[in-house]
Amino acid sequence: MKHWRALFGDSIFTLDYDALVKTPEPVMRKLVDFLGLPWDDRCLDFRNADMMVKTASVWQVREGLYEFSSGRWQNYASLVENIRPLFDKTG
């Protein structure tokens, strides 16, 4: 991300997935604001939208936010910390 932030700076929105699944509304509001769009309460009720979904993940759209993965990054935190200096040196 260091590379992409150097290229695109403030045009990148960083979303904390753990925060999104725990408290979706404030995170979604920040994203919608970042995109310059007006807030719509239907953003919180996406599962029940009447719109047709034409993707391979149609069943995922109708589910709620996928909470199972939230926090699982902690299982790998020590590994990431061990390799982070390698990436910091090369950028």
PDB file of N, CA and C in Angstrom:
ATOM      1  N   MET A   1       0.819  -1.196   0.000  1.00  0.00           N
ATOM      2  CA  MET A   1       0.000   0.000   0.000  1.00  0.00           C
ATOM      3  C   MET A   1       0.859   1.254   0.000  1.00  0.00           C
ATOM      4  N   LYS A   2       2.039   1.145   0.512  1.00  0.00           N
ATOM      5  CA  LYS A   2       2.937   2.297   0.523  1.00  0.00           C
ATOM      6  C   LYS A   2       3.149   2.829  -0.898  1.00  0.00           C
ATOM      7  N   HIS A   3       3.340   1.924  -1.824  1.00  0.00           N
ATOM      8  CA  HIS A   3       3.534   2.292  -3.232  1.00  0.00           C
ATOM      9  C   HIS A   3       2.301   2.999  -3.787  1.00  0.00           C
ATOM     10  N   TRP A   4       1.118   2.412  -3.574  1.00  0.00           N
ATOM     11  CA  TRP A   4      -0.105   2.971  -4.128  1.00  0.00           C
ATOM     12  C   TRP A   4      -0.446   4.301  -3.485  1.00  0.00           C
ATOM     13  N   ARG A   5      -0.193   4.438  -2.189  1.00  0.00           N
ATOM     14  CA  ARG A   5      -0.436   5.726  -1.535  1.00  0.00           C
ATOM     15  C   ARG A   5       0.503   6.803  -2.075  1.00  0.00           C
ATOM     16  N   ALA A   6       1.746   6.413  -2.376  1.00  0.00           N
ATOM     17  CA  ALA A   6       2.691   7.370  -2.952  1.00  0.00           C
ATOM     18  C   ALA A   6       2.203   7.856  -4.315  1.00  0.00           C
ATOM     19  N   LEU A   7       1.590   6.965  -5.082  1.00  0.00           N
ATOM     20  CA  LEU A   7       1.087   7.341  -6.410  1.00  0.00           C
ATOM     21  C   LEU A   7      -0.238   8.097  -6.362  1.00  0.00           C
ATOM     22  N   PHE A   8      -1.153   7.654  -5.509  1.00  0.00           N
ATOM     23  CA  PHE A   8      -2.513   8.170  -5.551  1.00  0.00           C
ATOM     24  C   PHE A   8      -2.965   8.910  -4.300  1.00  0.00           C
ATOM     25  N   GLY A   9      -2.151   8.913  -3.262  1.00  0.00           N
ATOM     26  CA  GLY A   9      -2.419   9.702  -2.053  1.00  0.00           C
ATOM     27  C   GLY A   9      -3.827   9.614  -1.510  1.00  0.00           C
ATOM     28  N   ASP A  10      -4.465  10.781  -1.433  1.00  0.00           N
ATOM     29  CA  ASP A  10      -5.783  10.888  -0.819  1.00  0.00           C
ATOM     30  C   ASP A  10      -6.914  10.327  -1.672  1.00  0.00           C
ATOM     31  N   SER A  11      -6.614   9.836  -2.858  1.00  0.00           N
ATOM     32  CA  SER A  11      -7.684   9.258  -3.675  1.00  0.00           C
ATOM     33  C   SER A  11      -7.923   7.787  -3.324  1.00  0.00           C
ATOM     34  N   ILE A  12      -7.209   7.281  -2.321  1.00  0.00           N
ATOM     35  CA  ILE A  12      -7.396   5.905  -1.840  1.00  0.00           C
ATOM     36  C   ILE A  12      -8.159   5.948  -0.527  1.00  0.00           C
ATOM     37  N   PHE A  13      -9.210   5.171  -0.448  1.00  0.00           N
ATOM     38  CA  PHE A  13      -9.981   5.049   0.782  1.00  0.00           C
ATOM     39  C   PHE A  13      -9.574   3.759   1.472  1.00  0.00           C
ATOM     40  N   THR A  14      -9.132   3.868   2.696  1.00  0.00           N
ATOM     41  CA  THR A  14      -8.743   2.688   3.460  1.00  0.00           C
ATOM     42  C   THR A  14      -9.901   2.294   4.357  1.00  0.00           C
ATOM     43  N   LEU A  15     -10.351   1.077   4.202  1.00  0.00           N
ATOM     44  CA  LEU A  15     -11.496   0.583   4.949  1.00  0.00           C
ATOM     45  C   LEU A  15     -11.027  -0.494   5.925  1.00  0.00           C
ATOM     46  N   ASP A  16     -11.410  -0.353   7.168  1.00  0.00           N
ATOM     47  CA  ASP A  16     -11.105  -1.340   8.203  1.00  0.00           C
ATOM     48  C   ASP A  16     -12.255  -2.351   8.221  1.00  0.00           C
ATOM     49  N   TYR A  17     -12.005  -3.543   7.688  1.00  0.00           N
ATOM     50  CA  TYR A  17     -13.071  -4.545   7.559  1.00  0.00           C
ATOM     51  C   TYR A  17     -13.632  -4.949   8.919  1.00  0.00           C
ATOM     52  N   ASP A  18     -12.761  -5.068   9.922  1.00  0.00           N
ATOM     53  CA  ASP A  18     -13.240  -5.434  11.258  1.00  0.00           C
ATOM     54  C   ASP A  18     -14.226  -4.383  11.778  1.00  0.00           C
ATOM     55  N   ALA A  19     -13.917  -3.109  11.553  1.00  0.00           N
ATOM     56  CA  ALA A  19     -14.825  -2.038  11.967  1.00  0.00           C
ATOM     57  C   ALA A  19     -16.120  -2.087  11.164  1.00  0.00           C
ATOM     58  N   LEU A  20     -16.012  -2.402   9.882  1.00  0.00           N
ATOM     59  CA  LEU A  20     -17.201  -2.480   9.024  1.00  0.00           C
ATOM     60  C   LEU A  20     -18.187  -3.520   9.524  1.00  0.00           C
ATOM     61  N   VAL A  21     -17.720  -4.708   9.863  1.00  0.00           N
ATOM     62  CA  VAL A  21     -18.658  -5.750  10.292  1.00  0.00           C
ATOM     63  C   VAL A  21     -19.174  -5.519  11.709  1.00  0.00           C
ATOM     64  N   LYS A  22     -18.403  -4.819  12.534  1.00  0.00           N
ATOM     65  CA  LYS A  22     -18.859  -4.545  13.908  1.00  0.00           C
ATOM     66  C   LYS A  22     -19.849  -3.391  13.944  1.00  0.00           C
ATOM     67  N   THR A  23     -19.532  -2.320  13.248  1.00  0.00           N
ATOM     68  CA  THR A  23     -20.393  -1.129  13.221  1.00  0.00           C
ATOM     69  C   THR A  23     -20.457  -0.606  11.784  1.00  0.00           C
ATOM     70  N   PRO A  24     -21.297  -1.211  10.962  1.00  0.00           N
ATOM     71  CA  PRO A  24     -21.310  -0.885   9.539  1.00  0.00           C
ATOM     72  C   PRO A  24     -21.689   0.563   9.208  1.00  0.00           C
ATOM     73  N   GLU A  25     -22.635   1.133   9.917  1.00  0.00           N
ATOM     74  CA  GLU A  25     -23.128   2.450   9.497  1.00  0.00           C
ATOM     75  C   GLU A  25     -22.054   3.534   9.468  1.00  0.00           C
ATOM     76  N   PRO A  26     -21.269   3.736  10.532  1.00  0.00           N
ATOM     77  CA  PRO A  26     -20.270   4.819  10.441  1.00  0.00           C
ATOM     78  C   PRO A  26     -19.218   4.574   9.359  1.00  0.00           C
ATOM     79  N   VAL A  27     -18.843   3.328   9.153  1.00  0.00           N
ATOM     80  CA  VAL A  27     -17.847   3.018   8.124  1.00  0.00           C
ATOM     81  C   VAL A  27     -18.432   3.261   6.741  1.00  0.00           C
ATOM     82  N   MET A  28     -19.664   2.823   6.536  1.00  0.00           N
ATOM     83  CA  MET A  28     -20.307   3.022   5.238  1.00  0.00           C
ATOM     84  C   MET A  28     -20.554   4.500   4.964  1.00  0.00           C
ATOM     85  N   ARG A  29     -20.893   5.244   5.987  1.00  0.00           N
ATOM     86  CA  ARG A  29     -21.103   6.684   5.805  1.00  0.00           C
ATOM     87  C   ARG A  29     -19.812   7.368   5.358  1.00  0.00           C
ATOM     88  N   LYS A  30     -18.685   6.972   5.967  1.00  0.00           N
ATOM     89  CA  LYS A  30     -17.395   7.546   5.572  1.00  0.00           C
ATOM     90  C   LYS A  30     -17.069   7.208   4.119  1.00  0.00           C
ATOM     91  N   LEU A  31     -17.357   5.967   3.711  1.00  0.00           N
ATOM     92  CA  LEU A  31     -17.092   5.555   2.341  1.00  0.00           C
ATOM     93  C   LEU A  31     -17.963   6.335   1.354  1.00  0.00           C
ATOM     94  N   VAL A  32     -19.245   6.430   1.643  1.00  0.00           N
ATOM     95  CA  VAL A  32     -20.166   7.148   0.762  1.00  0.00           C
ATOM     96  C   VAL A  32     -19.758   8.622   0.664  1.00  0.00           C
ATOM     97  N   ASP A  33     -19.373   9.212   1.787  1.00  0.00           N
ATOM     98  CA  ASP A  33     -18.911  10.601   1.787  1.00  0.00           C
ATOM     99  C   ASP A  33     -17.632  10.743   0.957  1.00  0.00           C
ATOM    100  N   PHE A  34     -16.709   9.803   1.113  1.00  0.00           N
ATOM    101  CA  PHE A  34     -15.458   9.813   0.348  1.00  0.00           C
ATOM    102  C   PHE A  34     -15.738   9.790  -1.151  1.00  0.00           C
ATOM    103  N   LEU A  35     -16.753   9.051  -1.543  1.00  0.00           N
ATOM    104  CA  LEU A  35     -17.124   8.936  -2.953  1.00  0.00           C
ATOM    105  C   LEU A  35     -17.909  10.149  -3.452  1.00  0.00           C
ATOM    106  N   GLY A  36     -18.254  11.037  -2.528  1.00  0.00           N
ATOM    107  CA  GLY A  36     -18.990  12.237  -2.913  1.00  0.00           C
ATOM    108  C   GLY A  36     -20.448  11.969  -3.230  1.00  0.00           C
ATOM    109  N   LEU A  37     -20.987  10.931  -2.634  1.00  0.00           N
ATOM    110  CA  LEU A  37     -22.378  10.555  -2.880  1.00  0.00           C
ATOM    111  C   LEU A  37     -23.234  10.909  -1.675  1.00  0.00           C
ATOM    112  N   PRO A  38     -24.529  11.108  -1.900  1.00  0.00           N
ATOM    113  CA  PRO A  38     -25.415  11.367  -0.766  1.00  0.00           C
ATOM    114  C   PRO A  38     -25.689  10.064  -0.014  1.00  0.00           C
ATOM    115  N   TRP A  39     -25.882  10.179   1.285  1.00  0.00           N
ATOM    116  CA  TRP A  39     -26.187   9.002   2.088  1.00  0.00           C
ATOM    117  C   TRP A  39     -27.585   8.500   1.763  1.00  0.00           C
ATOM    118  N   ASP A  40     -27.737   7.188   1.736  1.00  0.00           N
ATOM    119  CA  ASP A  40     -29.028   6.544   1.513  1.00  0.00           C
ATOM    120  C   ASP A  40     -29.119   5.396   2.514  1.00  0.00           C
ATOM    121  N   ASP A  41     -30.166   5.390   3.327  1.00  0.00           N
ATOM    122  CA  ASP A  41     -30.318   4.353   4.350  1.00  0.00           C
ATOM    123  C   ASP A  41     -30.350   2.945   3.769  1.00  0.00           C
ATOM    124  N   ARG A  42     -30.646   2.839   2.479  1.00  0.00           N
ATOM    125  CA  ARG A  42     -30.663   1.515   1.858  1.00  0.00           C
ATOM    126  C   ARG A  42     -29.273   0.884   1.804  1.00  0.00           C
ATOM    127  N   CYS A  43     -28.234   1.695   2.001  1.00  0.00           N
ATOM    128  CA  CYS A  43     -26.876   1.137   2.056  1.00  0.00           C
ATOM    129  C   CYS A  43     -26.747   0.110   3.172  1.00  0.00           C
ATOM    130  N   LEU A  44     -27.511   0.298   4.225  1.00  0.00           N
ATOM    131  CA  LEU A  44     -27.445  -0.618   5.366  1.00  0.00           C
ATOM    132  C   LEU A  44     -28.321  -1.849   5.166  1.00  0.00           C
ATOM    133  N   ASP A  45     -29.196  -1.806   4.171  1.00  0.00           N
ATOM    134  CA  ASP A  45     -30.129  -2.905   3.940  1.00  0.00           C
ATOM    135  C   ASP A  45     -29.912  -3.522   2.560  1.00  0.00           C
ATOM    136  N   PHE A  46     -28.642  -3.626   2.158  1.00  0.00           N
ATOM    137  CA  PHE A  46     -28.304  -4.099   0.809  1.00  0.00           C
ATOM    138  C   PHE A  46     -28.798  -5.517   0.535  1.00  0.00           C
ATOM    139  N   ARG A  47     -28.925  -6.329   1.568  1.00  0.00           N
ATOM    140  CA  ARG A  47     -29.363  -7.733   1.386  1.00  0.00           C
ATOM    141  C   ARG A  47     -30.761  -7.823   0.790  1.00  0.00           C
ATOM    142  N   ASN A  48     -31.569  -6.828   1.099  1.00  0.00           N
ATOM    143  CA  ASN A  48     -32.972  -6.866   0.679  1.00  0.00           C
ATOM    144  C   ASN A  48     -33.264  -6.016  -0.549  1.00  0.00           C
ATOM    145  N   ALA A  49     -32.238  -5.556  -1.225  1.00  0.00           N
ATOM    146  CA  ALA A  49     -32.451  -4.741  -2.424  1.00  0.00           C
ATOM    147  C   ALA A  49     -33.160  -5.563  -3.499  1.00  0.00           C
ATOM    148  N   ASP A  50     -34.048  -4.911  -4.203  1.00  0.00           N
ATOM    149  CA  ASP A  50     -34.810  -5.595  -5.265  1.00  0.00           C
ATOM    150  C   ASP A  50     -34.049  -5.676  -6.577  1.00  0.00           C
ATOM    151  N   MET A  51     -32.875  -5.097  -6.617  1.00  0.00           N
ATOM    152  CA  MET A  51     -32.105  -5.068  -7.863  1.00  0.00           C
ATOM    153  C   MET A  51     -31.603  -6.467  -8.232  1.00  0.00           C
ATOM    154  N   MET A  52     -31.523  -6.718  -9.526  1.00  0.00           N
ATOM    155  CA  MET A  52     -30.992  -7.984 -10.006  1.00  0.00           C
ATOM    156  C   MET A  52     -29.467  -7.956  -9.890  1.00  0.00           C
ATOM    157  N   VAL A  53     -28.914  -9.057  -9.448  1.00  0.00           N
ATOM    158  CA  VAL A  53     -27.460  -9.180  -9.337  1.00  0.00           C
ATOM    159  C   VAL A  53     -27.000 -10.121 -10.436  1.00  0.00           C
ATOM    160  N   LYS A  54     -26.055  -9.665 -11.249  1.00  0.00           N
ATOM    161  CA  LYS A  54     -25.584 -10.464 -12.382  1.00  0.00           C
ATOM    162  C   LYS A  54     -24.105 -10.804 -12.232  1.00  0.00           C
ATOM    163  N   THR A  55     -23.751 -11.359 -11.097  1.00  0.00           N
ATOM    164  CA  THR A  55     -22.362 -11.772 -10.881  1.00  0.00           C
ATOM    165  C   THR A  55     -22.352 -13.202 -10.354  1.00  0.00           C
ATOM    166  N   ALA A  56     -21.184 -13.787 -10.370  1.00  0.00           N
ATOM    167  CA  ALA A  56     -21.049 -15.153  -9.858  1.00  0.00           C
ATOM    168  C   ALA A  56     -21.282 -15.206  -8.354  1.00  0.00           C
ATOM    169  N   SER A  57     -21.181 -14.060  -7.687  1.00  0.00           N
ATOM    170  CA  SER A  57     -21.334 -14.037  -6.235  1.00  0.00           C
ATOM    171  C   SER A  57     -22.730 -13.593  -5.815  1.00  0.00           C
ATOM    172  N   VAL A  58     -23.720 -13.873  -6.642  1.00  0.00           N
ATOM    173  CA  VAL A  58     -25.083 -13.428  -6.362  1.00  0.00           C
ATOM    174  C   VAL A  58     -25.549 -13.878  -4.981  1.00  0.00           C
ATOM    175  N   TRP A  59     -25.224 -15.063  -4.567  1.00  0.00           N
ATOM    176  CA  TRP A  59     -25.671 -15.552  -3.254  1.00  0.00           C
ATOM    177  C   TRP A  59     -24.986 -14.784  -2.129  1.00  0.00           C
ATOM    178  N   GLN A  60     -23.760 -14.307  -2.348  1.00  0.00           N
ATOM    179  CA  GLN A  60     -23.058 -13.546  -1.311  1.00  0.00           C
ATOM    180  C   GLN A  60     -23.710 -12.182  -1.101  1.00  0.00           C
ATOM    181  N   VAL A  61     -24.225 -11.597  -2.163  1.00  0.00           N
ATOM    182  CA  VAL A  61     -24.854 -10.289  -2.058  1.00  0.00           C
ATOM    183  C   VAL A  61     -26.073 -10.359  -1.161  1.00  0.00           C
ATOM    184  N   ARG A  62     -26.760 -11.454  -1.185  1.00  0.00           N
ATOM    185  CA  ARG A  62     -27.985 -11.610  -0.398  1.00  0.00           C
ATOM    186  C   ARG A  62     -27.716 -12.015   1.051  1.00  0.00           C
ATOM    187  N   GLU A  63     -26.479 -12.282   1.377  1.00  0.00           N
ATOM    188  CA  GLU A  63     -26.096 -12.577   2.756  1.00  0.00           C
ATOM    189  C   GLU A  63     -25.752 -11.259   3.441  1.00  0.00           C
ATOM    190  N   GLY A  64     -25.595 -11.311   4.737  1.00  0.00           N
ATOM    191  CA  GLY A  64     -25.148 -10.128   5.463  1.00  0.00           C
ATOM    192  C   GLY A  64     -23.649  -9.956   5.292  1.00  0.00           C
ATOM    193  N   LEU A  65     -23.096  -8.991   5.999  1.00  0.00           N
ATOM    194  CA  LEU A  65     -21.648  -8.815   5.960  1.00  0.00           C
ATOM    195  C   LEU A  65     -20.994 -10.069   6.508  1.00  0.00           C
ATOM    196  N   TYR A  66     -19.951 -10.513   5.879  1.00  0.00           N
ATOM    197  CA  TYR A  66     -19.275 -11.751   6.232  1.00  0.00           C
ATOM    198  C   TYR A  66     -18.400 -11.515   7.454  1.00  0.00           C
ATOM    199  N   GLU A  67     -18.893 -11.903   8.616  1.00  0.00           N
ATOM    200  CA  GLU A  67     -18.213 -11.638   9.871  1.00  0.00           C
ATOM    201  C   GLU A  67     -17.197 -12.707  10.255  1.00  0.00           C
ATOM    202  N   PHE A  68     -17.247 -13.849   9.625  1.00  0.00           N
ATOM    203  CA  PHE A  68     -16.398 -14.964  10.031  1.00  0.00           C
ATOM    204  C   PHE A  68     -14.913 -14.622   9.961  1.00  0.00           C
ATOM    205  N   SER A  69     -14.526 -13.845   8.971  1.00  0.00           N
ATOM    206  CA  SER A  69     -13.111 -13.519   8.793  1.00  0.00           C
ATOM    207  C   SER A  69     -12.640 -12.383   9.691  1.00  0.00           C
ATOM    208  N   SER A  70     -13.572 -11.661  10.270  1.00  0.00           N
ATOM    209  CA  SER A  70     -13.205 -10.520  11.092  1.00  0.00           C
ATOM    210  C   SER A  70     -12.312 -10.958  12.250  1.00  0.00           C
ATOM    211  N   GLY A  71     -11.186 -10.304  12.366  1.00  0.00           N
ATOM    212  CA  GLY A  71     -10.251 -10.596  13.448  1.00  0.00           C
ATOM    213  C   GLY A  71      -9.290 -11.740  13.182  1.00  0.00           C
ATOM    214  N   ARG A  72      -9.503 -12.480  12.104  1.00  0.00           N
ATOM    215  CA  ARG A  72      -8.628 -13.630  11.837  1.00  0.00           C
ATOM    216  C   ARG A  72      -7.200 -13.213  11.500  1.00  0.00           C
ATOM    217  N   TRP A  73      -7.009 -11.954  11.092  1.00  0.00           N
ATOM    218  CA  TRP A  73      -5.674 -11.460  10.792  1.00  0.00           C
ATOM    219  C   TRP A  73      -4.764 -11.592  12.011  1.00  0.00           C
ATOM    220  N   GLN A  74      -5.359 -11.558  13.198  1.00  0.00           N
ATOM    221  CA  GLN A  74      -4.557 -11.633  14.425  1.00  0.00           C
ATOM    222  C   GLN A  74      -3.782 -12.945  14.527  1.00  0.00           C
ATOM    223  N   ASN A  75      -4.273 -13.987  13.864  1.00  0.00           N
ATOM    224  CA  ASN A  75      -3.557 -15.271  13.854  1.00  0.00           C
ATOM    225  C   ASN A  75      -2.200 -15.148  13.168  1.00  0.00           C
ATOM    226  N   TYR A  76      -2.061 -14.138  12.328  1.00  0.00           N
ATOM    227  CA  TYR A  76      -0.841 -13.985  11.530  1.00  0.00           C
ATOM    228  C   TYR A  76      -0.050 -12.732  11.896  1.00  0.00           C
ATOM    229  N   ALA A  77      -0.465 -12.028  12.918  1.00  0.00           N
ATOM    230  CA  ALA A  77       0.168 -10.762  13.283  1.00  0.00           C
ATOM    231  C   ALA A  77       1.666 -10.914  13.526  1.00  0.00           C
ATOM    232  N   SER A  78       2.077 -11.961  14.232  1.00  0.00           N
ATOM    233  CA  SER A  78       3.509 -12.118  14.524  1.00  0.00           C
ATOM    234  C   SER A  78       4.298 -12.382  13.243  1.00  0.00           C
ATOM    235  N   LEU A  79       3.704 -13.085  12.304  1.00  0.00           N
ATOM    236  CA  LEU A  79       4.387 -13.351  11.040  1.00  0.00           C
ATOM    237  C   LEU A  79       4.557 -12.081  10.223  1.00  0.00           C
ATOM    238  N   VAL A  80       3.534 -11.252  10.217  1.00  0.00           N
ATOM    239  CA  VAL A  80       3.604 -10.005   9.476  1.00  0.00           C
ATOM    240  C   VAL A  80       4.654  -9.097  10.090  1.00  0.00           C
ATOM    241  N   GLU A  81       4.688  -9.028  11.397  1.00  0.00           N
ATOM    242  CA  GLU A  81       5.681  -8.186  12.065  1.00  0.00           C
ATOM    243  C   GLU A  81       7.098  -8.649  11.741  1.00  0.00           C
ATOM    244  N   ASN A  82       7.288  -9.945  11.581  1.00  0.00           N
ATOM    245  CA  ASN A  82       8.619 -10.465  11.266  1.00  0.00           C
ATOM    246  C   ASN A  82       9.076 -10.119   9.860  1.00  0.00           C
ATOM    247  N   ILE A  83       8.150  -9.980   8.913  1.00  0.00           N
ATOM    248  CA  ILE A  83       8.558  -9.690   7.536  1.00  0.00           C
ATOM    249  C   ILE A  83       8.421  -8.221   7.176  1.00  0.00           C
ATOM    250  N   ARG A  84       7.739  -7.441   8.008  1.00  0.00           N
ATOM    251  CA  ARG A  84       7.530  -6.023   7.694  1.00  0.00           C
ATOM    252  C   ARG A  84       8.835  -5.287   7.394  1.00  0.00           C
ATOM    253  N   PRO A  85       9.924  -5.503   8.149  1.00  0.00           N
ATOM    254  CA  PRO A  85      11.167  -4.786   7.823  1.00  0.00           C
ATOM    255  C   PRO A  85      11.666  -5.049   6.400  1.00  0.00           C
ATOM    256  N   LEU A  86      11.398  -6.221   5.857  1.00  0.00           N
ATOM    257  CA  LEU A  86      11.815  -6.508   4.484  1.00  0.00           C
ATOM    258  C   LEU A  86      11.113  -5.591   3.500  1.00  0.00           C
ATOM    259  N   PHE A  87       9.839  -5.339   3.733  1.00  0.00           N
ATOM    260  CA  PHE A  87       9.061  -4.495   2.838  1.00  0.00           C
ATOM    261  C   PHE A  87       9.371  -3.028   3.057  1.00  0.00           C
ATOM    262  N   ASP A  88       9.615  -2.643   4.290  1.00  0.00           N
ATOM    263  CA  ASP A  88       9.919  -1.247   4.582  1.00  0.00           C
ATOM    264  C   ASP A  88      11.227  -0.822   3.897  1.00  0.00           C
ATOM    265  N   LYS A  89      12.180  -1.726   3.766  1.00  0.00           N
ATOM    266  CA  LYS A  89      13.455  -1.399   3.135  1.00  0.00           C
ATOM    267  C   LYS A  89      13.316  -1.216   1.634  1.00  0.00           C
ATOM    268  N   THR A  90      12.448  -2.044   1.013  1.00  0.00           N
ATOM    269  CA  THR A  90      12.345  -2.012  -0.444  1.00  0.00           C
ATOM    270  C   THR A  90      11.256  -1.074  -0.935  1.00  0.00           C
ATOM    271  N   GLY A  91      10.387  -0.654  -0.018  1.00  0.00           N
ATOM    272  CA  GLY A  91       9.305   0.265  -0.423  1.00  0.00           C
ATOM    273  C   GLY A  91       8.232  -0.481  -1.106  1.00  0.00           C
TER     274      GLY A  91
END
